[in-house]
Structure formats: C-alpha cells, structure tokens
Amino acid sequence: MLSLPLAEDAELTPLEPWQADEFAEHIDRHRAHLAPWIPLASTVTDTESARELLQRYADHQAAGAGRLLGIRLRGELVGAILFVQFDLTTGNCELGVWLAPHAQGHGLITKAAQLMIDWAFDVRGMHRIEWITMTANERSKAAAKRLGMTLDGVLRESYLFGGRRHDSEIWSLLVTDPRPWKL
C-alpha cells in the first residue's frame, strides 16, 4: 500500500522510520492540541524519539501485530491512525486516531477508521475493535458513534493527565455488528 484515498485532496499513507523528522515536526507543531488526548504527544519530543516510535510500529507491522498510518491533506501530514493494540490470539484490537485542528471537519477520521476497521475484520479476521477516549473528548465520542460503535462503559479515573485522573470511555464494534458505511 503506497496510499489510499480518503477524499479528493486527502490520503492515508504509511509512516515509516525514515520520516521521523516530519513526524516529530508534526507532533511538535500540534503538541498543545494533542497532549490532553494522546500520550505520545509527551513521549515524541525530538527526531530520535519519533524514529523509535515509528520503528516500533514498523516492527509491529512486520510481525502482523498492527500498524500506524499517516493522514495527509494536500500532501501535509495532519494526523494518524493506528492500532494501539492488535492481538491476533484474542481477535481484539484498539484503534487510535488524532488530527490537527485545521484538518478537522472533513470526514478524514471517519473514512480512515472505516478503512482500518474493514481491513482488521475482513483481511485480518479480528473479532472486536475498541475505541478508548476521555469522557471530555466530544469529537472522539462523535466519531465512535458515526462508526456504529457501542459504548461499553466508563473506566473511572483511568487516564492521568495534568496531575489529575480523568475518566475514559470504551467503545467497541464487533465483526457481527452492522457497519453503517456498508449498509
């Protein structure tokens, strides 16, 4: 896969270790926006830490245990989608996403997630896809709803950010659930 179209001016592309400079710059540029929602905003702090993260996901992909892909709008890296966890033994995985503020509202997360969900279920034979988000992240919860996911419950005080514990919601989609984009 070199790229998959998400919209006329957007695509889903691989993110590989040789792109560490671009990835680090993207995270640095959007750190304040990303930090409350995704832990890697505080762990990717320079090119070397970006390379380490991208290499870890390249290794996961080579082992058949998940992947990390970039979301590009008019050629600019504006976000990513990844399998945070991908367990072939249990058939369970967790999908994570982020998007720069100026790229929101174009349906890019929804389309990218649809492609990843279809791949996980139809190609890799996964049974359950989870989506975990802080209860305060309304945009993330709205995306889970658009994808036809079910709210399984609240993980009380499961996410530490800014010296405080926050509740998280866990959403899921089973292979047997309807996928709204396939109806």
C-alpha atoms as a PDB file:
ATOM      1  CA  MET A   1       0.000   0.000   0.000  1.00  0.00           C
ATOM      2  CA  LEU A   2       1.506   3.305  -1.021  1.00  0.00           C
ATOM      3  CA  SER A   3      -1.625   5.320  -0.305  1.00  0.00           C
ATOM      4  CA  LEU A   4      -5.381   5.050  -0.089  1.00  0.00           C
ATOM      5  CA  PRO A   5      -7.666   7.970  -0.921  1.00  0.00           C
ATOM      6  CA  LEU A   6      -9.728   9.476   1.887  1.00  0.00           C
ATOM      7  CA  ALA A   7     -11.067  12.422  -0.104  1.00  0.00           C
ATOM      8  CA  GLU A   8     -10.187  14.247  -3.311  1.00  0.00           C
ATOM      9  CA  ASP A   9      -7.320  16.052  -1.542  1.00  0.00           C
ATOM     10  CA  ALA A  10      -6.557  13.596   1.273  1.00  0.00           C
ATOM     11  CA  GLU A  11      -4.979  10.178   1.623  1.00  0.00           C
ATOM     12  CA  LEU A  12      -3.908   7.515   4.077  1.00  0.00           C
ATOM     13  CA  THR A  13      -0.183   6.765   3.763  1.00  0.00           C
ATOM     14  CA  PRO A  14       2.453   4.685   5.550  1.00  0.00           C
ATOM     15  CA  LEU A  15       4.515   6.348   8.265  1.00  0.00           C
ATOM     16  CA  GLU A  16       7.981   4.833   8.374  1.00  0.00           C
ATOM     17  CA  PRO A  17      11.130   5.434  10.442  1.00  0.00           C
ATOM     18  CA  TRP A  18      12.806   7.411   7.635  1.00  0.00           C
ATOM     19  CA  GLN A  19      10.006  10.000   8.059  1.00  0.00           C
ATOM     20  CA  ALA A  20      10.948  10.707  11.688  1.00  0.00           C
ATOM     21  CA  ASP A  21      11.849  14.371  11.057  1.00  0.00           C
ATOM     22  CA  GLU A  22       8.462  15.118   9.505  1.00  0.00           C
ATOM     23  CA  PHE A  23       6.644  13.142  12.215  1.00  0.00           C
ATOM     24  CA  ALA A  24       8.496  14.906  15.043  1.00  0.00           C
ATOM     25  CA  GLU A  25       7.754  18.306  13.473  1.00  0.00           C
ATOM     26  CA  HIS A  26       4.068  17.391  13.150  1.00  0.00           C
ATOM     27  CA  ILE A  27       3.830  16.360  16.814  1.00  0.00           C
ATOM     28  CA  ASP A  28       5.755  19.449  17.944  1.00  0.00           C
ATOM     29  CA  ARG A  29       3.542  21.787  15.886  1.00  0.00           C
ATOM     30  CA  HIS A  30       0.345  20.289  17.374  1.00  0.00           C
ATOM     31  CA  ARG A  31       1.572  19.226  20.821  1.00  0.00           C
ATOM     32  CA  ALA A  32      -0.698  21.592  22.784  1.00  0.00           C
ATOM     33  CA  HIS A  33      -3.749  20.305  20.900  1.00  0.00           C
ATOM     34  CA  LEU A  34      -2.770  16.623  21.165  1.00  0.00           C
ATOM     35  CA  ALA A  35      -1.347  16.466  24.709  1.00  0.00           C
ATOM     36  CA  PRO A  36      -4.656  16.199  26.609  1.00  0.00           C
ATOM     37  CA  TRP A  37      -5.830  13.310  24.463  1.00  0.00           C
ATOM     38  CA  ILE A  38      -2.884  11.135  23.386  1.00  0.00           C
ATOM     39  CA  PRO A  39       0.116  10.045  25.472  1.00  0.00           C
ATOM     40  CA  LEU A  40       2.602  10.081  22.573  1.00  0.00           C
ATOM     41  CA  ALA A  41       2.370  13.879  22.489  1.00  0.00           C
ATOM     42  CA  SER A  42       4.563  13.877  25.587  1.00  0.00           C
ATOM     43  CA  THR A  43       6.859  10.995  24.552  1.00  0.00           C
ATOM     44  CA  VAL A  44       7.677  12.095  20.982  1.00  0.00           C
ATOM     45  CA  THR A  45       9.855  15.102  21.734  1.00  0.00           C
ATOM     46  CA  ASP A  46      12.508  15.000  19.000  1.00  0.00           C
ATOM     47  CA  THR A  47      13.559  13.155  15.855  1.00  0.00           C
ATOM     48  CA  GLU A  48      15.110  10.257  17.762  1.00  0.00           C
ATOM     49  CA  SER A  49      12.002   9.563  19.857  1.00  0.00           C
ATOM     50  CA  ALA A  50       9.893   9.883  16.698  1.00  0.00           C
ATOM     51  CA  ARG A  51      12.141   7.375  14.930  1.00  0.00           C
ATOM     52  CA  GLU A  52      11.866   4.966  17.883  1.00  0.00           C
ATOM     53  CA  LEU A  53       8.063   5.140  17.820  1.00  0.00           C
ATOM     54  CA  LEU A  54       7.880   4.725  14.045  1.00  0.00           C
ATOM     55  CA  GLN A  55      10.323   1.801  14.214  1.00  0.00           C
ATOM     56  CA  ARG A  56       8.251   0.142  16.937  1.00  0.00           C
ATOM     57  CA  TYR A  57       5.183   0.325  14.702  1.00  0.00           C
ATOM     58  CA  ALA A  58       7.172  -0.849  11.665  1.00  0.00           C
ATOM     59  CA  ASP A  59       8.198  -3.868  13.754  1.00  0.00           C
ATOM     60  CA  HIS A  60       4.567  -4.430  14.795  1.00  0.00           C
ATOM     61  CA  GLN A  61       3.506  -4.306  11.166  1.00  0.00           C
ATOM     62  CA  ALA A  62       6.249  -6.753  10.116  1.00  0.00           C
ATOM     63  CA  ALA A  63       5.075  -9.139  12.859  1.00  0.00           C
ATOM     64  CA  GLY A  64       1.449  -8.801  11.735  1.00  0.00           C
ATOM     65  CA  ALA A  65       0.557  -7.100  15.001  1.00  0.00           C
ATOM     66  CA  GLY A  66      -0.794  -3.754  13.836  1.00  0.00           C
ATOM     67  CA  ARG A  67       0.223  -0.606  12.052  1.00  0.00           C
ATOM     68  CA  LEU A  68       0.481   3.187  12.097  1.00  0.00           C
ATOM     69  CA  LEU A  69      -0.579   5.233   9.070  1.00  0.00           C
ATOM     70  CA  GLY A  70      -0.456   8.939   8.356  1.00  0.00           C
ATOM     71  CA  ILE A  71      -3.379  11.090   7.292  1.00  0.00           C
ATOM     72  CA  ARG A  72      -2.369  13.660   4.705  1.00  0.00           C
ATOM     73  CA  LEU A  73      -4.357  16.632   3.476  1.00  0.00           C
ATOM     74  CA  ARG A  74      -2.975  18.250   0.311  1.00  0.00           C
ATOM     75  CA  GLY A  75       0.301  16.415   0.997  1.00  0.00           C
ATOM     76  CA  GLU A  76       0.715  17.704   4.569  1.00  0.00           C
ATOM     77  CA  LEU A  77       0.840  15.226   7.449  1.00  0.00           C
ATOM     78  CA  VAL A  78      -2.187  16.280   9.537  1.00  0.00           C
ATOM     79  CA  GLY A  79      -2.816  13.220  11.672  1.00  0.00           C
ATOM     80  CA  ALA A  80      -2.570   9.496  12.045  1.00  0.00           C
ATOM     81  CA  ILE A  81      -4.498   6.330  12.728  1.00  0.00           C
ATOM     82  CA  LEU A  82      -3.041   3.304  14.447  1.00  0.00           C
ATOM     83  CA  PHE A  83      -3.772   0.045  16.122  1.00  0.00           C
ATOM     84  CA  VAL A  84      -2.659   0.771  19.684  1.00  0.00           C
ATOM     85  CA  GLN A  85      -3.165  -2.924  20.486  1.00  0.00           C
ATOM     86  CA  PHE A  86      -3.614  -5.738  17.967  1.00  0.00           C
ATOM     87  CA  ASP A  87      -3.942  -9.248  19.425  1.00  0.00           C
ATOM     88  CA  LEU A  88      -4.491 -11.971  16.834  1.00  0.00           C
ATOM     89  CA  THR A  89      -4.847 -14.614  19.558  1.00  0.00           C
ATOM     90  CA  THR A  90      -7.911 -12.994  21.134  1.00  0.00           C
ATOM     91  CA  GLY A  91      -9.118 -11.243  17.977  1.00  0.00           C
ATOM     92  CA  ASN A  92      -9.238  -7.925  19.836  1.00  0.00           C
ATOM     93  CA  CYS A  93      -7.619  -4.646  18.852  1.00  0.00           C
ATOM     94  CA  GLU A  94      -7.741  -0.978  19.787  1.00  0.00           C
ATOM     95  CA  LEU A  95      -7.936   1.778  17.205  1.00  0.00           C
ATOM     96  CA  GLY A  96      -6.490   5.221  17.962  1.00  0.00           C
ATOM     97  CA  VAL A  97      -6.549   8.450  15.947  1.00  0.00           C
ATOM     98  CA  TRP A  98      -5.582  12.092  16.001  1.00  0.00           C
ATOM     99  CA  LEU A  99      -5.959  15.028  13.682  1.00  0.00           C
ATOM    100  CA  ALA A 100      -4.590  18.573  13.581  1.00  0.00           C
ATOM    101  CA  PRO A 101      -7.249  21.229  14.296  1.00  0.00           C
ATOM    102  CA  HIS A 102      -7.127  22.761  10.809  1.00  0.00           C
ATOM    103  CA  ALA A 103      -7.887  19.362   9.217  1.00  0.00           C
ATOM    104  CA  GLN A 104     -10.965  18.592  11.312  1.00  0.00           C
ATOM    105  CA  GLY A 105     -14.456  18.610   9.874  1.00  0.00           C
ATOM    106  CA  HIS A 106     -13.597  16.971   6.541  1.00  0.00           C
ATOM    107  CA  GLY A 107     -14.549  13.379   7.485  1.00  0.00           C
ATOM    108  CA  LEU A 108     -10.928  12.219   7.364  1.00  0.00           C
ATOM    109  CA  ILE A 109     -11.004  10.342  10.683  1.00  0.00           C
ATOM    110  CA  THR A 110     -14.261   8.621   9.796  1.00  0.00           C
ATOM    111  CA  LYS A 111     -13.026   7.477   6.380  1.00  0.00           C
ATOM    112  CA  ALA A 112      -9.611   6.387   7.690  1.00  0.00           C
ATOM    113  CA  ALA A 113     -11.258   4.441  10.533  1.00  0.00           C
ATOM    114  CA  GLN A 114     -13.658   2.754   8.110  1.00  0.00           C
ATOM    115  CA  LEU A 115     -10.711   1.550   6.016  1.00  0.00           C
ATOM    116  CA  MET A 116      -8.825   0.285   9.083  1.00  0.00           C
ATOM    117  CA  ILE A 117     -11.913  -1.421  10.523  1.00  0.00           C
ATOM    118  CA  ASP A 118     -12.656  -3.168   7.218  1.00  0.00           C
ATOM    119  CA  TRP A 119      -9.021  -4.302   6.990  1.00  0.00           C
ATOM    120  CA  ALA A 120      -8.981  -5.606  10.587  1.00  0.00           C
ATOM    121  CA  PHE A 121     -12.259  -7.524  10.219  1.00  0.00           C
ATOM    122  CA  ASP A 122     -12.194  -8.598   6.575  1.00  0.00           C
ATOM    123  CA  VAL A 123      -8.476  -9.184   5.978  1.00  0.00           C
ATOM    124  CA  ARG A 124      -7.025  -9.978   9.411  1.00  0.00           C
ATOM    125  CA  GLY A 125     -10.040 -11.759  10.885  1.00  0.00           C
ATOM    126  CA  MET A 126     -10.315  -9.663  14.050  1.00  0.00           C
ATOM    127  CA  HIS A 127     -13.470 -10.009  16.153  1.00  0.00           C
ATOM    128  CA  ARG A 128     -13.592  -6.822  18.266  1.00  0.00           C
ATOM    129  CA  ILE A 129     -12.287  -3.294  17.756  1.00  0.00           C
ATOM    130  CA  GLU A 130     -12.113  -0.963  20.731  1.00  0.00           C
ATOM    131  CA  TRP A 131     -12.017   2.843  20.786  1.00  0.00           C
ATOM    132  CA  ILE A 132     -10.949   4.391  24.102  1.00  0.00           C
ATOM    133  CA  THR A 133     -11.382   8.102  24.724  1.00  0.00           C
ATOM    134  CA  MET A 134     -11.553  10.527  27.613  1.00  0.00           C
ATOM    135  CA  THR A 135     -15.134  11.352  28.538  1.00  0.00           C
ATOM    136  CA  ALA A 136     -14.414  15.021  27.810  1.00  0.00           C
ATOM    137  CA  ASN A 137     -13.349  14.317  24.206  1.00  0.00           C
ATOM    138  CA  GLU A 138     -16.638  15.029  22.429  1.00  0.00           C
ATOM    139  CA  ARG A 139     -15.135  14.843  18.919  1.00  0.00           C
ATOM    140  CA  SER A 140     -13.739  11.370  19.576  1.00  0.00           C
ATOM    141  CA  LYS A 141     -17.030  10.125  21.021  1.00  0.00           C
ATOM    142  CA  ALA A 142     -18.881  11.514  17.992  1.00  0.00           C
ATOM    143  CA  ALA A 143     -16.507   9.624  15.672  1.00  0.00           C
ATOM    144  CA  ALA A 144     -17.137   6.377  17.570  1.00  0.00           C
ATOM    145  CA  LYS A 145     -20.890   6.917  17.157  1.00  0.00           C
ATOM    146  CA  ARG A 146     -20.516   7.627  13.408  1.00  0.00           C
ATOM    147  CA  LEU A 147     -18.646   4.329  13.098  1.00  0.00           C
ATOM    148  CA  GLY A 148     -21.583   2.457  14.662  1.00  0.00           C
ATOM    149  CA  MET A 149     -19.714   1.639  17.853  1.00  0.00           C
ATOM    150  CA  THR A 150     -21.428   0.819  21.141  1.00  0.00           C
ATOM    151  CA  LEU A 151     -20.477   2.448  24.426  1.00  0.00           C
ATOM    152  CA  ASP A 152     -19.385  -0.439  26.653  1.00  0.00           C
ATOM    153  CA  GLY A 153     -18.741   1.639  29.743  1.00  0.00           C
ATOM    154  CA  VAL A 154     -16.652   4.143  31.645  1.00  0.00           C
ATOM    155  CA  LEU A 155     -13.188   3.404  33.017  1.00  0.00           C
ATOM    156  CA  ARG A 156     -13.184   5.588  36.120  1.00  0.00           C
ATOM    157  CA  GLU A 157     -10.063   7.716  36.662  1.00  0.00           C
ATOM    158  CA  SER A 158      -8.069   5.603  34.206  1.00  0.00           C
ATOM    159  CA  TYR A 159      -6.177   8.399  32.430  1.00  0.00           C
ATOM    160  CA  LEU A 160      -3.599  10.568  34.182  1.00  0.00           C
ATOM    161  CA  PHE A 161      -3.126  13.988  32.606  1.00  0.00           C
ATOM    162  CA  GLY A 162      -2.036  17.292  34.066  1.00  0.00           C
ATOM    163  CA  GLY A 163      -1.627  15.783  37.514  1.00  0.00           C
ATOM    164  CA  ARG A 164      -5.290  14.717  37.597  1.00  0.00           C
ATOM    165  CA  ARG A 165      -7.061  11.469  36.877  1.00  0.00           C
ATOM    166  CA  HIS A 166      -9.785  11.506  34.210  1.00  0.00           C
ATOM    167  CA  ASP A 167     -12.481   9.032  33.256  1.00  0.00           C
ATOM    168  CA  SER A 168     -12.276   7.245  29.910  1.00  0.00           C
ATOM    169  CA  GLU A 169     -14.994   5.673  27.809  1.00  0.00           C
ATOM    170  CA  ILE A 170     -14.561   2.405  25.982  1.00  0.00           C
ATOM    171  CA  TRP A 171     -16.487   1.939  22.760  1.00  0.00           C
ATOM    172  CA  SER A 172     -16.476  -1.190  20.609  1.00  0.00           C
ATOM    173  CA  LEU A 173     -17.517  -2.647  17.297  1.00  0.00           C
ATOM    174  CA  LEU A 174     -17.852  -6.390  16.778  1.00  0.00           C
ATOM    175  CA  VAL A 175     -17.388  -8.124  13.460  1.00  0.00           C
ATOM    176  CA  THR A 176     -21.080  -9.129  13.690  1.00  0.00           C
ATOM    177  CA  ASP A 177     -22.255  -5.521  14.206  1.00  0.00           C
ATOM    178  CA  PRO A 178     -23.533  -3.562  11.224  1.00  0.00           C
ATOM    179  CA  ARG A 179     -21.054  -1.127   9.692  1.00  0.00           C
ATOM    180  CA  PRO A 180     -23.054   1.954   8.675  1.00  0.00           C
ATOM    181  CA  TRP A 181     -20.847   2.623   5.622  1.00  0.00           C
ATOM    182  CA  LYS A 182     -21.586  -0.862   4.264  1.00  0.00           C
ATOM    183  CA  LEU A 183     -25.388  -0.705   4.518  1.00  0.00           C
END
